[in-house]
Every structure is written in C-alpha cells, then in structure tokens.
C-alpha cells in the first residue's frame, strides 16, 4: 500500500508543519476523509477531544486508511483502543514542529498490536519525504518529547522561582551548551500546547518533572500563549534574549589565577589575549612552567586558525609562578583548583591574607557553594562565582554567581570584566548547578535513565535529539564528551542539594563509571571511541 491522499484533523503547529511537508512531497492533502489513505490527527492534548474527532472520521473514511496521531503526552494505545482502528493506528512524535523542515528523522510510535504492514507503509512514506523513521514503543513522551518537555518545564520553574532572569536563562543555555533558549522555545511552541502536553504526561507518569510550572498555568489563564498571540515570556513575535553590557564597578588592571589545570590555563589565556596583565599561580614553579607551556601550545593552535594572532604579544601579558604572594597587587583573583570544597576553602583562606583590600575574589566552581568559599575569608562581600566553561578560550558563557553577601559593585565588576573578555555573562544566585548545570544535567541524566527503562538504543536517543530536534549533540554523546565521571559527580551534587526535585544519577551512568568507562577520554562511554 502507498499513501497518496491524506486528511488532517487539527490545524495547530504540528498539523500545519506536516501538511506543508506532505504537499511539498507530492502528497494530496484533502479536506474530506471519504477517499484518503491516511488520517493525521494533530489536535490539542485532550484525550476525549481526540477520541471524539477520530471516531467521527472512522465512520466515513475507507477501511484501509491508517490513523496517525501526533500526541506527545497521551499514549497511542489509549487513543487507538477507542477509535476503532487498533491495529492500524500509529504515532508520529514531533517534539518541536517548527524544526520539522530541518529534521532528518521522526519518531514512529508503534503499539503492542500495530500491524507490521502499517509501520512499513508509514515508514516508506516518511523516507519518501526525507525523514528517517526511528521506531519506538508506546510510552509517555516517547523519546524527544519526554526529554524536551522536562527541560522546558525545569527552565520555566527556574524563572518562576526568581532564580535567574528570562534573558539570562536563555543566554546561558545558548552560549553555555549550544541548546535552544528554553523560554524562547516555549513561546515558539505555544505555552498552552506545552502546558497541555505536560499535564497529560504528569497524569500518566506521576513524575513531578512534568507537573506544569505555576508560571505556565498563570500564562495560559492570562492568554499569554507565546508567539502565536504576540505575548508570552518575551511579549514579541520574534523572541530573542539580549545581553546587557555592564558598566561601573571596581577597576581591574591586573588579574591573578590560582590553579594549573585546563580551566586555570584557559582563563589565564583569555585574560592575556584581552591585553590584561595576568599571573597564574600553580602549586610549584615547575607546575607553573608546565602551565605556561600549555598556554603556549594552545596559542600556537589558535594562531594556525588565525594567523593575525600575535602569540609572543599575548605571552608578554602572562606570568607564572608557584608563589601566591605574587597576587598581592591583583584587582581580581580567580580560583580554579580542583572541585573539592576543602581545597577551595583553603585557597580562599590563603588569599584572604594575601590579596589587597578591595580585590575581587572569584571561584570557578561548577557545583560547590560559593558562600562556603566566601566564609573562609574575612571579606565575604568581595567574593562571588565566575563559572567559565571548558575550554575557556572558545566557550562564550560566564555565569556570575552572587551570594547573599556579595556586594553589588563586586557583581557589576565581574559582569563587566567578563564582557571585556568577549564573554556573555549571565547572573544567577548561589544554588547548586547555577543555571546551565541545573538545566543540562537533569536532561542528560533522564536520557541515560531511558536506557534502563525503555527498549531503546543509544543511537535512537541521540538521533531523536540531533536529527529530530536539531540539537548539536545527542545527550548521550554529550555525556561522553563532558566525561561520565564528571557528569556523575554533578548529578549527584544536584541530587544531594535537592533530593526531592532532582533525581539520583542514572544507574546506567553509574555502572559505566564503575567499570572505568568515562567517555571520550577513556575510549568508551555510551559510545565507543577508536
């Protein structure tokens, strides 16, 4: 059987995107259902509405017609069982209909009784339209929607709690890990559409991550539905986050960096390339020389990409030493040692006795309490977090983390200086995970947990997010890139800080780490690396 004529029930984003796809592929889209090969349902996520409409269509369309539902919060089985075509009903999961024209893959959802010939027919239809089907079982949210909706809902909840601003949340995810800005994405998808899907998922799973954030309920009640009505999180038909350049604060004429690992050398390189004198303090003179050599190698690589880069000129701004006292004249000192709170507190206690009055003291921690570092000093007003992302020379984001005690001019100084380094600073308060890790790692952890809960492959999950949603990397490949040991540690820190809100590390992830598989750096993680 081939599909030549299609009827569509529903005129929302999913229905419109698929109608355009069918038409472009030479498939006739009809207004009536008495002579169609396939019926596509793209109604809001209300079971009774879907069942009523499809039951009506069932009475007039040919017996051979296939039913396809675009549900992402209900199950295909409960729809199929009540509409008369149990074995001839499948699902198409479109987590983000706006990206369908760019997507190379679509999730094709089967039930326990779906006729294999139906799957074959719909699969051939999709391939003919340039979309590779990812065949998945019928479980709430399937793959892409389960991951995307939880991510978007967490971001809405973060905004609702006043933890970070709209623009800072979106900028953090765009510049920190290349993911779409979640609040702009909510506007584009439709606040009501996402709210309905989350409600359906929460009712079927009981998982609190799908309980719609209160702000979504309020926005739906107020008619603030996003781009389609001209007002939502952004109140504009073309939502885009902005970065406001900070001015004022304390002068930064000389910078110190404490540490000798990739983060420390990366930050020192960035400061030197900005033409600001910087001193890197390692644990010894030997480690200091090694750090300088690492920076030289990095600059040499950068010069091959940009011949205009003056390597010797950059290195002239850099000093390395093993003596912490060399930072006595620094206006800003950035601690970038190992992620161990006792070690960090020890460094801050030493800096308290070395740094001049008024110097800004910053920690690059990604998961520790900034206030705990500040408490090791007698000047907690001068302490904050400046969370750079690895590799610091290439990554644009800096999370500026203020504690309850951080002085206003200290936060302004950090934000302004990050901008002077060519970075995108975002503000957040001192809470485990800050913005990026608090949104990114639950998404990654949920993807890893799917491998234990569902009959899916690593490739299925990553393909659903890259080819289906347009993400630059699949979640499991991204875990491999970050390092499974690092990822496990961060998710555990999030769970320890918020044992109810944040899930423990996925068992599959923990098992790989226990086996010594840490991802790319060991040659094996969720994916093998030759």
Foldseek 3Di string as FASTA:
>chain_A
DAFQEEEEADDDLQRVLVVVLCVVLNHHYDPAAQEGQEYEYEHFLDLVVLLVVLLVSVVRHDPNHAYEYQAQQAWQQVSLVRRPHNQRYWYWHFLASVCVVQFQAIEIEDEPRHDVVNVVRVQVVCVSSRYHYDYFYTDHRTFPRVLLLLLLQLLVQCCVVVQFHLLLLQVCCCQVANDGRSQLSQQNNWLSRSLRSLVSNCVVPVDPSSNHRPLSVVCVVVVQTHLVVQHHSQSGVDDDHDFDAFDAFDDFQEEEEEEQDLQRLLVLLLCLQLVGAYEYAYQAAVSQVVSLVVNLVVVVVVCVVPVVDDSVSSCVSYHYGNDPLVCQAGQEYEYEYDQDLVVLLVVLLVVLVRYDPNRAYEYQDQFDFQQSSLVSHPCSQRYWYWHAHPNNVPRAETETEHEPRHHPSNSSVSSNVSVSSVHRYTYGYGDGRTNCHSSLLLSLQVLQQCVVVGPDAPCSNFSCCCSSVVGPTGSQLVQLVVWLVVSLVSLCSVCVRPVSPGDHGRPLSVVCVVVVATHPVVQDDSDGHD
